Amino acid sequence: MKNQSYFANHSNSIHLAIAPNRLEDLIREGSLSVTDFSCLDTSSKKNVWAMLRSLAAKRLVRQ
């Protein structure tokens, strides 16, 4: 029996909530890319963009 992924047969999106600090950790670690998800409302999108700007600024300061 093949070890087939659940998602091979179920291609629907999964909607979930994640704590902002955990999302930031995952993006900073490179475990999650912004291309891996989409925001479902304008407020979330603005907050994610602010988070990304902050992470980028921190990277620039460290260089």
Protein backbone atom coordinates (compact mmCIF):
# COMPACT_ATOMS: atom_id res chain seq x y z
CA MET A 1 0.00 0.00 0.00
CA LYS A 2 1.38 3.39 -1.01
CA ASN A 3 1.89 6.03 1.63
CA GLN A 4 -0.15 8.69 -0.16
CA SER A 5 -0.74 12.16 1.24
CA TYR A 6 -4.22 13.03 2.49
CA PHE A 7 -4.10 16.10 0.27
CA ALA A 8 -3.64 14.08 -2.90
CA ASN A 9 -7.35 13.22 -2.62
CA HIS A 10 -8.63 16.31 -0.77
CA SER A 11 -7.63 19.58 -2.42
CA ASN A 12 -9.94 21.92 -0.47
CA SER A 13 -8.38 24.74 1.52
CA ILE A 14 -8.03 24.48 5.27
CA HIS A 15 -9.03 27.60 7.19
CA LEU A 16 -7.30 28.06 10.51
CA ALA A 17 -6.22 30.68 12.99
CA ILE A 18 -2.67 31.06 14.24
CA ALA A 19 -1.22 33.30 16.93
CA PRO A 20 0.61 36.26 15.39
CA ASN A 21 3.80 35.57 17.34
CA ARG A 22 3.85 31.94 16.15
CA LEU A 23 3.28 33.07 12.55
CA GLU A 24 6.18 35.48 12.90
CA ASP A 25 8.40 32.71 14.33
CA LEU A 26 7.56 30.36 11.44
CA ILE A 27 8.28 33.02 8.82
CA ARG A 28 11.51 34.11 10.54
CA GLU A 29 12.71 30.48 10.75
CA GLY A 30 11.94 29.94 7.07
CA SER A 31 9.46 27.18 7.94
CA LEU A 32 6.61 29.09 6.33
CA SER A 33 6.64 31.44 3.37
CA VAL A 34 4.12 34.18 2.69
CA THR A 35 3.38 32.38 -0.57
CA ASP A 36 2.12 29.40 1.48
CA PHE A 37 -0.97 31.19 2.79
CA SER A 38 -3.41 33.98 2.08
CA CYS A 39 -5.18 36.39 4.41
CA LEU A 40 -8.94 36.16 4.57
CA ASP A 41 -9.64 39.76 5.55
CA THR A 42 -8.13 43.22 5.14
CA SER A 43 -7.17 43.61 8.79
CA SER A 44 -5.20 40.35 8.76
CA LYS A 45 -3.49 41.32 5.53
CA LYS A 46 -2.42 44.68 6.97
CA ASN A 47 -1.07 43.00 10.09
CA VAL A 48 0.90 40.43 8.08
CA TRP A 49 2.38 43.17 5.90
CA ALA A 50 3.41 45.09 9.02
CA MET A 51 4.99 41.93 10.40
CA LEU A 52 6.91 41.36 7.17
CA ARG A 53 8.18 44.95 7.12
CA SER A 54 9.36 44.58 10.70
CA LEU A 55 11.15 41.30 9.95
CA ALA A 56 12.81 42.83 6.88
CA ALA A 57 13.96 45.85 8.89
CA LYS A 58 15.47 43.60 11.56
CA ARG A 59 17.36 41.66 8.89
CA LEU A 60 18.74 44.87 7.39
CA VAL A 61 19.95 46.09 10.79
CA ARG A 62 21.78 42.79 11.45
CA GLN A 63 23.67 42.92 8.12
